[in-house]
Amino acid sequence: MNLYQLSFLGDAVFELMVREHIISKNVVKLNDLQQLTLDFVTAKRQAYFVDKLTKDNFFSEEELDIIRKGRNIKTHKSPKNCDVITYKYATAFEILIGYLYINDKNRLNEVFNYIINL
């Protein structure tokens, strides 16, 4: 898969994981479900996750390399509600999630569990 495909996949995988997590907490009101989901899936939050986990030395060198590559791909749409750099880090995050989903689901779960406990 190329980086664009990994980003597309990672976006869907991460949102599904977030939704499953929120539902497991017995949240039932639609507005609450949507708001809690946005706490995880916005570009600003995803860029924050990359920054926080990097500062915490959570990522392996291989994962950092994937993030660097993802951060540097050209995007074909303008970011909404965030600056270009934030958007690039969010894209890199999605690429990493897509990569881990295909190659290492155990590590994907470790990353997700770390994030939900921030």
N, C-alpha and C. Protein backbone atom coordinates (compact mmCIF):
# COMPACT_ATOMS: atom_id res chain seq x y z
N MET A 1 0.84 -1.19 0.00
CA MET A 1 0.00 0.00 0.00
C MET A 1 0.87 1.24 0.00
N ASN A 2 0.38 2.27 -0.68
CA ASN A 2 1.12 3.53 -0.63
C ASN A 2 0.65 4.35 0.57
N LEU A 3 1.30 5.47 0.82
CA LEU A 3 1.01 6.27 2.01
C LEU A 3 -0.40 6.84 2.00
N TYR A 4 -0.89 7.20 0.83
CA TYR A 4 -2.26 7.72 0.75
C TYR A 4 -3.28 6.65 1.14
N GLN A 5 -3.05 5.44 0.68
CA GLN A 5 -3.94 4.34 1.03
C GLN A 5 -3.87 4.04 2.52
N LEU A 6 -2.67 4.07 3.07
CA LEU A 6 -2.52 3.84 4.51
C LEU A 6 -3.23 4.92 5.32
N SER A 7 -3.17 6.16 4.86
CA SER A 7 -3.86 7.25 5.54
C SER A 7 -5.37 7.04 5.49
N PHE A 8 -5.87 6.67 4.33
CA PHE A 8 -7.30 6.41 4.15
C PHE A 8 -7.76 5.29 5.08
N LEU A 9 -6.99 4.21 5.12
CA LEU A 9 -7.31 3.08 5.98
C LEU A 9 -7.17 3.46 7.45
N GLY A 10 -6.09 4.12 7.80
CA GLY A 10 -5.83 4.50 9.19
C GLY A 10 -6.91 5.41 9.75
N ASP A 11 -7.42 6.32 8.94
CA ASP A 11 -8.50 7.19 9.37
C ASP A 11 -9.72 6.37 9.78
N ALA A 12 -10.09 5.41 8.95
CA ALA A 12 -11.26 4.57 9.23
C ALA A 12 -11.03 3.67 10.44
N VAL A 13 -9.86 3.06 10.51
CA VAL A 13 -9.55 2.14 11.61
C VAL A 13 -9.56 2.89 12.94
N PHE A 14 -8.92 4.05 12.99
CA PHE A 14 -8.86 4.79 14.24
C PHE A 14 -10.25 5.25 14.68
N GLU A 15 -11.03 5.74 13.74
CA GLU A 15 -12.38 6.18 14.13
C GLU A 15 -13.21 5.01 14.63
N LEU A 16 -13.09 3.87 14.00
CA LEU A 16 -13.83 2.69 14.47
C LEU A 16 -13.37 2.28 15.87
N MET A 17 -12.07 2.29 16.10
CA MET A 17 -11.56 1.94 17.43
C MET A 17 -12.08 2.91 18.48
N VAL A 18 -12.09 4.20 18.15
CA VAL A 18 -12.59 5.21 19.07
C VAL A 18 -14.07 4.99 19.35
N ARG A 19 -14.84 4.74 18.31
CA ARG A 19 -16.28 4.52 18.50
C ARG A 19 -16.55 3.28 19.34
N GLU A 20 -15.81 2.22 19.10
CA GLU A 20 -16.00 1.01 19.92
C GLU A 20 -15.66 1.30 21.37
N HIS A 21 -14.60 2.05 21.60
CA HIS A 21 -14.19 2.40 22.96
C HIS A 21 -15.28 3.22 23.66
N ILE A 22 -15.82 4.21 22.97
CA ILE A 22 -16.84 5.07 23.56
C ILE A 22 -18.10 4.27 23.86
N ILE A 23 -18.50 3.41 22.95
CA ILE A 23 -19.69 2.59 23.17
C ILE A 23 -19.48 1.66 24.37
N SER A 24 -18.25 1.18 24.54
CA SER A 24 -17.98 0.28 25.67
C SER A 24 -18.14 0.98 27.01
N LYS A 25 -18.14 2.30 27.00
CA LYS A 25 -18.33 3.08 28.23
C LYS A 25 -19.80 3.37 28.49
N ASN A 26 -20.68 2.74 27.70
CA ASN A 26 -22.14 2.86 27.84
C ASN A 26 -22.66 4.28 27.63
N VAL A 27 -22.01 5.03 26.77
CA VAL A 27 -22.53 6.33 26.37
C VAL A 27 -23.65 6.06 25.37
N VAL A 28 -24.81 6.66 25.58
CA VAL A 28 -25.96 6.34 24.72
C VAL A 28 -26.54 7.54 23.98
N LYS A 29 -26.33 8.74 24.45
CA LYS A 29 -26.89 9.91 23.77
C LYS A 29 -26.04 10.24 22.54
N LEU A 30 -26.73 10.45 21.42
CA LEU A 30 -26.04 10.70 20.16
C LEU A 30 -25.11 11.90 20.24
N ASN A 31 -25.55 12.97 20.85
CA ASN A 31 -24.71 14.16 20.96
C ASN A 31 -23.44 13.86 21.76
N ASP A 32 -23.57 13.10 22.83
CA ASP A 32 -22.41 12.73 23.64
C ASP A 32 -21.47 11.83 22.86
N LEU A 33 -22.04 10.89 22.12
CA LEU A 33 -21.22 9.99 21.29
C LEU A 33 -20.39 10.79 20.28
N GLN A 34 -21.04 11.75 19.63
CA GLN A 34 -20.35 12.55 18.63
C GLN A 34 -19.28 13.43 19.26
N GLN A 35 -19.59 14.04 20.38
CA GLN A 35 -18.62 14.92 21.03
C GLN A 35 -17.41 14.14 21.53
N LEU A 36 -17.63 13.01 22.14
CA LEU A 36 -16.52 12.19 22.63
C LEU A 36 -15.66 11.67 21.47
N THR A 37 -16.29 11.37 20.36
CA THR A 37 -15.53 10.93 19.18
C THR A 37 -14.63 12.05 18.69
N LEU A 38 -15.15 13.28 18.67
CA LEU A 38 -14.35 14.42 18.21
C LEU A 38 -13.16 14.70 19.12
N ASP A 39 -13.23 14.25 20.36
CA ASP A 39 -12.09 14.42 21.26
C ASP A 39 -10.89 13.61 20.80
N PHE A 40 -11.09 12.68 19.88
CA PHE A 40 -10.02 11.82 19.40
C PHE A 40 -9.70 12.00 17.92
N VAL A 41 -10.69 12.28 17.10
CA VAL A 41 -10.48 12.13 15.65
C VAL A 41 -10.23 13.43 14.89
N THR A 42 -10.14 14.55 15.55
CA THR A 42 -9.82 15.79 14.83
C THR A 42 -8.33 15.83 14.51
N ALA A 43 -8.00 16.62 13.50
CA ALA A 43 -6.59 16.76 13.12
C ALA A 43 -5.75 17.29 14.28
N LYS A 44 -6.29 18.23 15.01
CA LYS A 44 -5.54 18.80 16.14
C LYS A 44 -5.25 17.74 17.20
N ARG A 45 -6.22 16.90 17.50
CA ARG A 45 -5.99 15.86 18.50
C ARG A 45 -5.01 14.81 18.00
N GLN A 46 -5.13 14.42 16.74
CA GLN A 46 -4.23 13.42 16.20
C GLN A 46 -2.80 13.95 16.15
N ALA A 47 -2.64 15.22 15.81
CA ALA A 47 -1.30 15.82 15.83
C ALA A 47 -0.77 15.85 17.27
N TYR A 48 -1.64 16.14 18.22
CA TYR A 48 -1.26 16.11 19.63
C TYR A 48 -0.77 14.71 20.03
N PHE A 49 -1.49 13.67 19.59
CA PHE A 49 -1.09 12.31 19.94
C PHE A 49 0.31 12.00 19.42
N VAL A 50 0.59 12.40 18.19
CA VAL A 50 1.93 12.17 17.63
C VAL A 50 2.98 12.88 18.48
N ASP A 51 2.72 14.14 18.80
CA ASP A 51 3.67 14.92 19.59
C ASP A 51 3.87 14.32 20.98
N LYS A 52 2.79 13.99 21.65
CA LYS A 52 2.86 13.46 23.02
C LYS A 52 3.59 12.11 23.06
N LEU A 53 3.22 11.21 22.17
CA LEU A 53 3.85 9.89 22.17
C LEU A 53 5.31 9.96 21.76
N THR A 54 5.64 10.90 20.89
CA THR A 54 7.04 11.10 20.51
C THR A 54 7.84 11.61 21.70
N LYS A 55 7.30 12.61 22.40
CA LYS A 55 7.98 13.16 23.58
C LYS A 55 8.12 12.13 24.69
N ASP A 56 7.17 11.19 24.75
CA ASP A 56 7.22 10.13 25.76
C ASP A 56 8.08 8.95 25.33
N ASN A 57 8.76 9.09 24.18
CA ASN A 57 9.60 8.02 23.63
C ASN A 57 8.84 6.71 23.48
N PHE A 58 7.59 6.82 23.08
CA PHE A 58 6.75 5.64 22.94
C PHE A 58 6.97 4.92 21.62
N PHE A 59 7.28 5.67 20.57
CA PHE A 59 7.41 5.08 19.24
C PHE A 59 8.77 4.44 19.02
N SER A 60 8.77 3.37 18.24
CA SER A 60 10.03 2.74 17.81
C SER A 60 10.63 3.58 16.70
N GLU A 61 11.87 3.30 16.35
CA GLU A 61 12.52 4.00 15.24
C GLU A 61 11.76 3.77 13.93
N GLU A 62 11.27 2.56 13.73
CA GLU A 62 10.51 2.25 12.52
C GLU A 62 9.23 3.09 12.47
N GLU A 63 8.55 3.21 13.59
CA GLU A 63 7.32 4.01 13.64
C GLU A 63 7.62 5.48 13.42
N LEU A 64 8.72 5.97 14.00
CA LEU A 64 9.11 7.37 13.77
C LEU A 64 9.43 7.62 12.31
N ASP A 65 10.03 6.64 11.65
CA ASP A 65 10.32 6.76 10.23
C ASP A 65 9.03 6.84 9.41
N ILE A 66 8.06 6.04 9.75
CA ILE A 66 6.76 6.08 9.07
C ILE A 66 6.10 7.44 9.29
N ILE A 67 6.18 7.96 10.49
CA ILE A 67 5.62 9.27 10.80
C ILE A 67 6.32 10.36 9.97
N ARG A 68 7.65 10.30 9.88
CA ARG A 68 8.39 11.28 9.09
C ARG A 68 7.97 11.24 7.63
N LYS A 69 7.87 10.04 7.09
CA LYS A 69 7.45 9.90 5.69
C LYS A 69 6.02 10.41 5.50
N GLY A 70 5.15 10.08 6.43
CA GLY A 70 3.77 10.52 6.34
C GLY A 70 3.62 12.02 6.46
N ARG A 71 4.42 12.60 7.29
CA ARG A 71 4.37 14.05 7.49
C ARG A 71 4.79 14.80 6.23
N ASN A 72 5.60 14.16 5.40
CA ASN A 72 6.14 14.83 4.23
C ASN A 72 5.40 14.55 2.92
N ILE A 73 4.32 13.76 2.95
CA ILE A 73 3.61 13.53 1.69
C ILE A 73 2.80 14.76 1.33
N LYS A 74 2.57 14.92 0.04
CA LYS A 74 1.74 16.04 -0.42
C LYS A 74 0.28 15.70 -0.20
N THR A 75 -0.44 16.66 0.34
CA THR A 75 -1.86 16.47 0.55
C THR A 75 -2.60 17.21 -0.55
N HIS A 76 -3.74 16.69 -0.92
CA HIS A 76 -4.48 17.24 -2.05
C HIS A 76 -5.68 18.08 -1.64
N LYS A 77 -5.86 18.26 -0.36
CA LYS A 77 -6.96 19.12 0.07
C LYS A 77 -6.46 20.09 1.12
N SER A 78 -7.14 21.18 1.24
CA SER A 78 -6.77 22.18 2.23
C SER A 78 -7.26 21.76 3.60
N PRO A 79 -6.44 22.00 4.62
CA PRO A 79 -6.90 21.67 5.97
C PRO A 79 -8.05 22.57 6.39
N LYS A 80 -8.94 21.99 7.17
CA LYS A 80 -10.05 22.76 7.72
C LYS A 80 -9.82 22.92 9.22
N ASN A 81 -9.95 24.13 9.69
CA ASN A 81 -9.86 24.42 11.12
C ASN A 81 -8.51 24.11 11.74
N CYS A 82 -7.46 24.02 10.93
CA CYS A 82 -6.11 23.84 11.49
C CYS A 82 -5.08 24.29 10.46
N ASP A 83 -3.87 24.48 10.92
CA ASP A 83 -2.80 24.90 10.02
C ASP A 83 -2.24 23.69 9.28
N VAL A 84 -1.45 23.95 8.28
CA VAL A 84 -0.92 22.89 7.41
C VAL A 84 -0.05 21.91 8.19
N ILE A 85 0.77 22.39 9.10
CA ILE A 85 1.67 21.51 9.85
C ILE A 85 0.88 20.55 10.73
N THR A 86 -0.13 21.07 11.40
CA THR A 86 -0.99 20.21 12.21
C THR A 86 -1.63 19.14 11.34
N TYR A 87 -2.12 19.55 10.19
CA TYR A 87 -2.76 18.61 9.26
C TYR A 87 -1.78 17.53 8.81
N LYS A 88 -0.53 17.91 8.55
CA LYS A 88 0.47 16.93 8.12
C LYS A 88 0.78 15.92 9.23
N TYR A 89 0.84 16.38 10.46
CA TYR A 89 1.05 15.44 11.57
C TYR A 89 -0.14 14.51 11.76
N ALA A 90 -1.34 15.03 11.56
CA ALA A 90 -2.53 14.19 11.66
C ALA A 90 -2.53 13.14 10.56
N THR A 91 -2.12 13.53 9.36
CA THR A 91 -2.01 12.57 8.26
C THR A 91 -0.96 11.51 8.58
N ALA A 92 0.16 11.92 9.14
CA ALA A 92 1.20 10.97 9.53
C ALA A 92 0.67 9.99 10.57
N PHE A 93 -0.13 10.47 11.49
CA PHE A 93 -0.75 9.61 12.50
C PHE A 93 -1.65 8.57 11.84
N GLU A 94 -2.48 9.01 10.91
CA GLU A 94 -3.37 8.09 10.21
C GLU A 94 -2.58 7.04 9.43
N ILE A 95 -1.48 7.46 8.82
CA ILE A 95 -0.64 6.52 8.08
C ILE A 95 -0.07 5.48 9.03
N LEU A 96 0.40 5.91 10.18
CA LEU A 96 0.93 4.96 11.17
C LEU A 96 -0.15 3.98 11.61
N ILE A 97 -1.35 4.47 11.86
CA ILE A 97 -2.45 3.59 12.28
C ILE A 97 -2.75 2.58 11.18
N GLY A 98 -2.81 3.03 9.94
CA GLY A 98 -3.04 2.11 8.82
C GLY A 98 -1.95 1.08 8.68
N TYR A 99 -0.71 1.52 8.84
CA TYR A 99 0.44 0.61 8.76
C TYR A 99 0.37 -0.45 9.86
N LEU A 100 0.10 -0.01 11.09
CA LEU A 100 0.03 -0.96 12.20
C LEU A 100 -1.15 -1.91 12.05
N TYR A 101 -2.24 -1.43 11.51
CA TYR A 101 -3.41 -2.29 11.31
C TYR A 101 -3.05 -3.44 10.37
N ILE A 102 -2.29 -3.16 9.36
CA ILE A 102 -1.90 -4.20 8.40
C ILE A 102 -0.79 -5.09 8.95
N ASN A 103 0.17 -4.50 9.64
CA ASN A 103 1.40 -5.22 9.99
C ASN A 103 1.53 -5.68 11.43
N ASP A 104 0.84 -5.04 12.36
CA ASP A 104 1.06 -5.39 13.77
C ASP A 104 -0.12 -4.92 14.63
N LYS A 105 -1.17 -5.70 14.63
CA LYS A 105 -2.38 -5.31 15.38
C LYS A 105 -2.13 -5.24 16.88
N ASN A 106 -1.21 -6.05 17.39
CA ASN A 106 -0.89 -5.95 18.82
C ASN A 106 -0.30 -4.59 19.15
N ARG A 107 0.60 -4.12 18.31
CA ARG A 107 1.20 -2.80 18.53
C ARG A 107 0.15 -1.71 18.34
N LEU A 108 -0.73 -1.88 17.37
CA LEU A 108 -1.83 -0.93 17.17
C LEU A 108 -2.64 -0.80 18.45
N ASN A 109 -2.95 -1.90 19.08
CA ASN A 109 -3.70 -1.88 20.34
C ASN A 109 -2.91 -1.21 21.45
N GLU A 110 -1.59 -1.41 21.49
CA GLU A 110 -0.76 -0.72 22.48
C GLU A 110 -0.82 0.79 22.29
N VAL A 111 -0.70 1.23 21.04
CA VAL A 111 -0.77 2.66 20.74
C VAL A 111 -2.13 3.21 21.16
N PHE A 112 -3.19 2.52 20.78
CA PHE A 112 -4.53 2.99 21.10
C PHE A 112 -4.75 3.04 22.62
N ASN A 113 -4.34 2.01 23.31
CA ASN A 113 -4.51 1.99 24.77
C ASN A 113 -3.74 3.11 25.44
N TYR A 114 -2.57 3.42 24.93
CA TYR A 114 -1.78 4.53 25.48
C TYR A 114 -2.54 5.84 25.28
N ILE A 115 -3.09 6.02 24.07
CA ILE A 115 -3.80 7.24 23.74
C ILE A 115 -5.05 7.42 24.61
N ILE A 116 -5.82 6.39 24.78
CA ILE A 116 -7.06 6.58 25.55
C ILE A 116 -6.80 6.79 27.03
N ASN A 117 -5.58 6.53 27.47
CA ASN A 117 -5.24 6.75 28.87
C ASN A 117 -4.48 8.05 29.11
N LEU A 118 -4.39 8.88 28.06
CA LEU A 118 -3.69 10.17 28.23
C LEU A 118 -4.53 11.11 29.07
